[in-house]
Amino acid sequence: MLKIAAKEGDETEYWLLLCQHSSGYPFDPILISKLISIKKLLSSIISKMKSQLKT
C-alpha cells in the first residue's frame, strides 16, 4: 500500500512540474515542496519496513 502511495507521489510530481512549464495552468511552488517532503517520508518508511522484514 505504501508503494502505491509512493508511485502516486511520483505521478503527482510529474503533473505539477508539467503545470509549472505550461503557461495556461496555475503553479504553486509550495505544493512541490510539500510533495517532496511527503515523498521523502514515504521513502523512509518503506526502507525501514523492508529492513525490519529482513530481520
PDB file of N, CA and C in Angstrom:
ATOM      1  N   MET A   1       0.812  -1.189   0.000  1.00  0.00           N
ATOM      2  CA  MET A   1       0.000   0.000   0.000  1.00  0.00           C
ATOM      3  C   MET A   1       0.863   1.264   0.000  1.00  0.00           C
ATOM      4  N   LEU A   2       1.968   1.243   0.733  1.00  0.00           N
ATOM      5  CA  LEU A   2       2.853   2.402   0.756  1.00  0.00           C
ATOM      6  C   LEU A   2       3.562   2.589  -0.578  1.00  0.00           C
ATOM      7  N   LYS A   3       3.849   1.478  -1.255  1.00  0.00           N
ATOM      8  CA  LYS A   3       4.475   1.591  -2.573  1.00  0.00           C
ATOM      9  C   LYS A   3       3.535   2.276  -3.554  1.00  0.00           C
ATOM     10  N   ILE A   4       2.257   1.995  -3.429  1.00  0.00           N
ATOM     11  CA  ILE A   4       1.269   2.650  -4.292  1.00  0.00           C
ATOM     12  C   ILE A   4       1.256   4.149  -4.002  1.00  0.00           C
ATOM     13  N   ALA A   5       1.308   4.507  -2.735  1.00  0.00           N
ATOM     14  CA  ALA A   5       1.330   5.924  -2.360  1.00  0.00           C
ATOM     15  C   ALA A   5       2.574   6.611  -2.917  1.00  0.00           C
ATOM     16  N   ALA A   6       3.710   5.912  -2.894  1.00  0.00           N
ATOM     17  CA  ALA A   6       4.943   6.479  -3.439  1.00  0.00           C
ATOM     18  C   ALA A   6       4.824   6.684  -4.948  1.00  0.00           C
ATOM     19  N   LYS A   7       4.232   5.721  -5.635  1.00  0.00           N
ATOM     20  CA  LYS A   7       4.035   5.864  -7.084  1.00  0.00           C
ATOM     21  C   LYS A   7       3.087   7.012  -7.396  1.00  0.00           C
ATOM     22  N   GLU A   8       2.049   7.159  -6.592  1.00  0.00           N
ATOM     23  CA  GLU A   8       1.119   8.273  -6.780  1.00  0.00           C
ATOM     24  C   GLU A   8       1.834   9.606  -6.559  1.00  0.00           C
ATOM     25  N   GLY A   9       2.753   9.632  -5.613  1.00  0.00           N
ATOM     26  CA  GLY A   9       3.549  10.836  -5.380  1.00  0.00           C
ATOM     27  C   GLY A   9       4.392  11.189  -6.588  1.00  0.00           C
ATOM     28  N   ASP A  10       4.985  10.175  -7.212  1.00  0.00           N
ATOM     29  CA  ASP A  10       5.769  10.405  -8.430  1.00  0.00           C
ATOM     30  C   ASP A  10       4.897  10.971  -9.544  1.00  0.00           C
ATOM     31  N   GLU A  11       3.721  10.399  -9.694  1.00  0.00           N
ATOM     32  CA  GLU A  11       2.818  10.875 -10.747  1.00  0.00           C
ATOM     33  C   GLU A  11       2.343  12.302 -10.462  1.00  0.00           C
ATOM     34  N   THR A  12       2.054  12.586  -9.213  1.00  0.00           N
ATOM     35  CA  THR A  12       1.632  13.935  -8.842  1.00  0.00           C
ATOM     36  C   THR A  12       2.735  14.942  -9.127  1.00  0.00           C
ATOM     37  N   GLU A  13       3.973  14.554  -8.818  1.00  0.00           N
ATOM     38  CA  GLU A  13       5.107  15.440  -9.102  1.00  0.00           C
ATOM     39  C   GLU A  13       5.219  15.709 -10.602  1.00  0.00           C
ATOM     40  N   TYR A  14       5.024  14.683 -11.401  1.00  0.00           N
ATOM     41  CA  TYR A  14       5.065  14.830 -12.859  1.00  0.00           C
ATOM     42  C   TYR A  14       4.055  15.881 -13.319  1.00  0.00           C
ATOM     43  N   TRP A  15       2.812  15.753 -12.839  1.00  0.00           N
ATOM     44  CA  TRP A  15       1.765  16.678 -13.271  1.00  0.00           C
ATOM     45  C   TRP A  15       2.009  18.087 -12.757  1.00  0.00           C
ATOM     46  N   LEU A  16       2.508  18.218 -11.540  1.00  0.00           N
ATOM     47  CA  LEU A  16       2.799  19.553 -11.017  1.00  0.00           C
ATOM     48  C   LEU A  16       3.921  20.223 -11.804  1.00  0.00           C
ATOM     49  N   LEU A  17       4.932  19.452 -12.172  1.00  0.00           N
ATOM     50  CA  LEU A  17       6.022  20.019 -12.974  1.00  0.00           C
ATOM     51  C   LEU A  17       5.539  20.375 -14.371  1.00  0.00           C
ATOM     52  N   LEU A  18       4.618  19.597 -14.900  1.00  0.00           N
ATOM     53  CA  LEU A  18       4.023  19.924 -16.196  1.00  0.00           C
ATOM     54  C   LEU A  18       3.276  21.259 -16.107  1.00  0.00           C
ATOM     55  N   CYS A  19       2.546  21.456 -15.031  1.00  0.00           N
ATOM     56  CA  CYS A  19       1.847  22.733 -14.825  1.00  0.00           C
ATOM     57  C   CYS A  19       2.836  23.890 -14.719  1.00  0.00           C
ATOM     58  N   GLN A  20       3.973  23.624 -14.094  1.00  0.00           N
ATOM     59  CA  GLN A  20       4.989  24.667 -13.934  1.00  0.00           C
ATOM     60  C   GLN A  20       5.488  25.150 -15.293  1.00  0.00           C
ATOM     61  N   HIS A  21       5.617  24.245 -16.240  1.00  0.00           N
ATOM     62  CA  HIS A  21       6.177  24.592 -17.546  1.00  0.00           C
ATOM     63  C   HIS A  21       5.117  24.925 -18.584  1.00  0.00           C
ATOM     64  N   SER A  22       3.861  24.923 -18.191  1.00  0.00           N
ATOM     65  CA  SER A  22       2.774  25.273 -19.107  1.00  0.00           C
ATOM     66  C   SER A  22       2.210  26.630 -18.700  1.00  0.00           C
ATOM     67  N   SER A  23       2.054  27.498 -19.666  1.00  0.00           N
ATOM     68  CA  SER A  23       1.637  28.867 -19.344  1.00  0.00           C
ATOM     69  C   SER A  23       0.175  28.975 -18.924  1.00  0.00           C
ATOM     70  N   GLY A  24      -0.672  28.078 -19.347  1.00  0.00           N
ATOM     71  CA  GLY A  24      -2.096  28.203 -19.068  1.00  0.00           C
ATOM     72  C   GLY A  24      -2.564  27.571 -17.771  1.00  0.00           C
ATOM     73  N   TYR A  25      -1.643  27.023 -16.974  1.00  0.00           N
ATOM     74  CA  TYR A  25      -2.040  26.317 -15.755  1.00  0.00           C
ATOM     75  C   TYR A  25      -1.414  26.978 -14.536  1.00  0.00           C
ATOM     76  N   PRO A  26      -2.137  26.980 -13.420  1.00  0.00           N
ATOM     77  CA  PRO A  26      -1.575  27.578 -12.201  1.00  0.00           C
ATOM     78  C   PRO A  26      -0.475  26.687 -11.624  1.00  0.00           C
ATOM     79  N   PHE A  27       0.481  27.311 -10.980  1.00  0.00           N
ATOM     80  CA  PHE A  27       1.568  26.567 -10.346  1.00  0.00           C
ATOM     81  C   PHE A  27       1.836  27.172  -8.980  1.00  0.00           C
ATOM     82  N   ASP A  28       1.969  26.318  -7.988  1.00  0.00           N
ATOM     83  CA  ASP A  28       2.261  26.757  -6.628  1.00  0.00           C
ATOM     84  C   ASP A  28       3.500  26.007  -6.142  1.00  0.00           C
ATOM     85  N   PRO A  29       4.630  26.701  -5.987  1.00  0.00           N
ATOM     86  CA  PRO A  29       5.861  26.020  -5.553  1.00  0.00           C
ATOM     87  C   PRO A  29       5.747  25.387  -4.169  1.00  0.00           C
ATOM     88  N   ILE A  30       4.827  25.864  -3.361  1.00  0.00           N
ATOM     89  CA  ILE A  30       4.637  25.279  -2.030  1.00  0.00           C
ATOM     90  C   ILE A  30       4.141  23.840  -2.154  1.00  0.00           C
ATOM     91  N   LEU A  31       3.311  23.578  -3.162  1.00  0.00           N
ATOM     92  CA  LEU A  31       2.820  22.206  -3.375  1.00  0.00           C
ATOM     93  C   LEU A  31       3.965  21.253  -3.684  1.00  0.00           C
ATOM     94  N   ILE A  32       4.895  21.685  -4.533  1.00  0.00           N
ATOM     95  CA  ILE A  32       6.058  20.845  -4.861  1.00  0.00           C
ATOM     96  C   ILE A  32       6.870  20.588  -3.598  1.00  0.00           C
ATOM     97  N   SER A  33       7.090  21.626  -2.812  1.00  0.00           N
ATOM     98  CA  SER A  33       7.865  21.485  -1.578  1.00  0.00           C
ATOM     99  C   SER A  33       7.215  20.488  -0.619  1.00  0.00           C
ATOM    100  N   LYS A  34       5.912  20.602  -0.441  1.00  0.00           N
ATOM    101  CA  LYS A  34       5.202  19.675   0.447  1.00  0.00           C
ATOM    102  C   LYS A  34       5.220  18.257  -0.112  1.00  0.00           C
ATOM    103  N   LEU A  35       5.057  18.145  -1.418  1.00  0.00           N
ATOM    104  CA  LEU A  35       5.075  16.828  -2.054  1.00  0.00           C
ATOM    105  C   LEU A  35       6.429  16.151  -1.861  1.00  0.00           C
ATOM    106  N   ILE A  36       7.508  16.898  -2.019  1.00  0.00           N
ATOM    107  CA  ILE A  36       8.849  16.331  -1.839  1.00  0.00           C
ATOM    108  C   ILE A  36       9.025  15.838  -0.401  1.00  0.00           C
ATOM    109  N   SER A  37       8.527  16.599   0.552  1.00  0.00           N
ATOM    110  CA  SER A  37       8.602  16.169   1.958  1.00  0.00           C
ATOM    111  C   SER A  37       7.825  14.878   2.185  1.00  0.00           C
ATOM    112  N   ILE A  38       6.650  14.788   1.603  1.00  0.00           N
ATOM    113  CA  ILE A  38       5.830  13.579   1.741  1.00  0.00           C
ATOM    114  C   ILE A  38       6.517  12.391   1.084  1.00  0.00           C
ATOM    115  N   LYS A  39       7.104  12.609  -0.101  1.00  0.00           N
ATOM    116  CA  LYS A  39       7.793  11.518  -0.794  1.00  0.00           C
ATOM    117  C   LYS A  39       8.994  11.025   0.007  1.00  0.00           C
ATOM    118  N   LYS A  40       9.727  11.932   0.633  1.00  0.00           N
ATOM    119  CA  LYS A  40      10.864  11.537   1.470  1.00  0.00           C
ATOM    120  C   LYS A  40      10.393  10.719   2.666  1.00  0.00           C
ATOM    121  N   LEU A  41       9.300  11.148   3.264  1.00  0.00           N
ATOM    122  CA  LEU A  41       8.742  10.427   4.407  1.00  0.00           C
ATOM    123  C   LEU A  41       8.309   9.022   4.007  1.00  0.00           C
ATOM    124  N   LEU A  42       7.596   8.914   2.893  1.00  0.00           N
ATOM    125  CA  LEU A  42       7.170   7.596   2.405  1.00  0.00           C
ATOM    126  C   LEU A  42       8.371   6.703   2.107  1.00  0.00           C
ATOM    127  N   SER A  43       9.375   7.275   1.476  1.00  0.00           N
ATOM    128  CA  SER A  43      10.576   6.505   1.148  1.00  0.00           C
ATOM    129  C   SER A  43      11.258   5.987   2.413  1.00  0.00           C
ATOM    130  N   SER A  44      11.338   6.831   3.413  1.00  0.00           N
ATOM    131  CA  SER A  44      11.946   6.430   4.682  1.00  0.00           C
ATOM    132  C   SER A  44      11.154   5.305   5.349  1.00  0.00           C
ATOM    133  N   ILE A  45       9.852   5.426   5.362  1.00  0.00           N
ATOM    134  CA  ILE A  45       9.001   4.392   5.965  1.00  0.00           C
ATOM    135  C   ILE A  45       9.154   3.071   5.221  1.00  0.00           C
ATOM    136  N   ILE A  46       9.143   3.133   3.896  1.00  0.00           N
ATOM    137  CA  ILE A  46       9.267   1.916   3.085  1.00  0.00           C
ATOM    138  C   ILE A  46      10.605   1.235   3.329  1.00  0.00           C
ATOM    139  N   SER A  47      11.688   2.010   3.356  1.00  0.00           N
ATOM    140  CA  SER A  47      13.001   1.393   3.556  1.00  0.00           C
ATOM    141  C   SER A  47      13.132   0.802   4.961  1.00  0.00           C
ATOM    142  N   LYS A  48      12.576   1.461   5.969  1.00  0.00           N
ATOM    143  CA  LYS A  48      12.622   0.917   7.332  1.00  0.00           C
ATOM    144  C   LYS A  48      11.807  -0.365   7.437  1.00  0.00           C
ATOM    145  N   MET A  49      10.664  -0.387   6.767  1.00  0.00           N
ATOM    146  CA  MET A  49       9.836  -1.598   6.795  1.00  0.00           C
ATOM    147  C   MET A  49      10.548  -2.756   6.102  1.00  0.00           C
ATOM    148  N   LYS A  50      11.226  -2.468   4.993  1.00  0.00           N
ATOM    149  CA  LYS A  50      11.965  -3.518   4.284  1.00  0.00           C
ATOM    150  C   LYS A  50      13.075  -4.080   5.158  1.00  0.00           C
ATOM    151  N   SER A  51      13.799  -3.195   5.849  1.00  0.00           N
ATOM    152  CA  SER A  51      14.896  -3.677   6.692  1.00  0.00           C
ATOM    153  C   SER A  51      14.372  -4.474   7.884  1.00  0.00           C
ATOM    154  N   GLN A  52      13.218  -4.109   8.408  1.00  0.00           N
ATOM    155  CA  GLN A  52      12.634  -4.860   9.524  1.00  0.00           C
ATOM    156  C   GLN A  52      12.126  -6.219   9.074  1.00  0.00           C
ATOM    157  N   LEU A  53      11.650  -6.308   7.853  1.00  0.00           N
ATOM    158  CA  LEU A  53      11.165  -7.590   7.348  1.00  0.00           C
ATOM    159  C   LEU A  53      12.314  -8.573   7.116  1.00  0.00           C
ATOM    160  N   LYS A  54      13.506  -8.052   6.837  1.00  0.00           N
ATOM    161  CA  LYS A  54      14.665  -8.917   6.592  1.00  0.00           C
ATOM    162  C   LYS A  54      15.184  -9.539   7.880  1.00  0.00           C
ATOM    163  N   THR A  55      14.958  -8.876   9.008  1.00  0.00           N
ATOM    164  CA  THR A  55      15.488  -9.400  10.277  1.00  0.00           C
ATOM    165  C   THR A  55      14.501 -10.275  10.991  1.00  0.00           C
TER     166      THR A  55
END
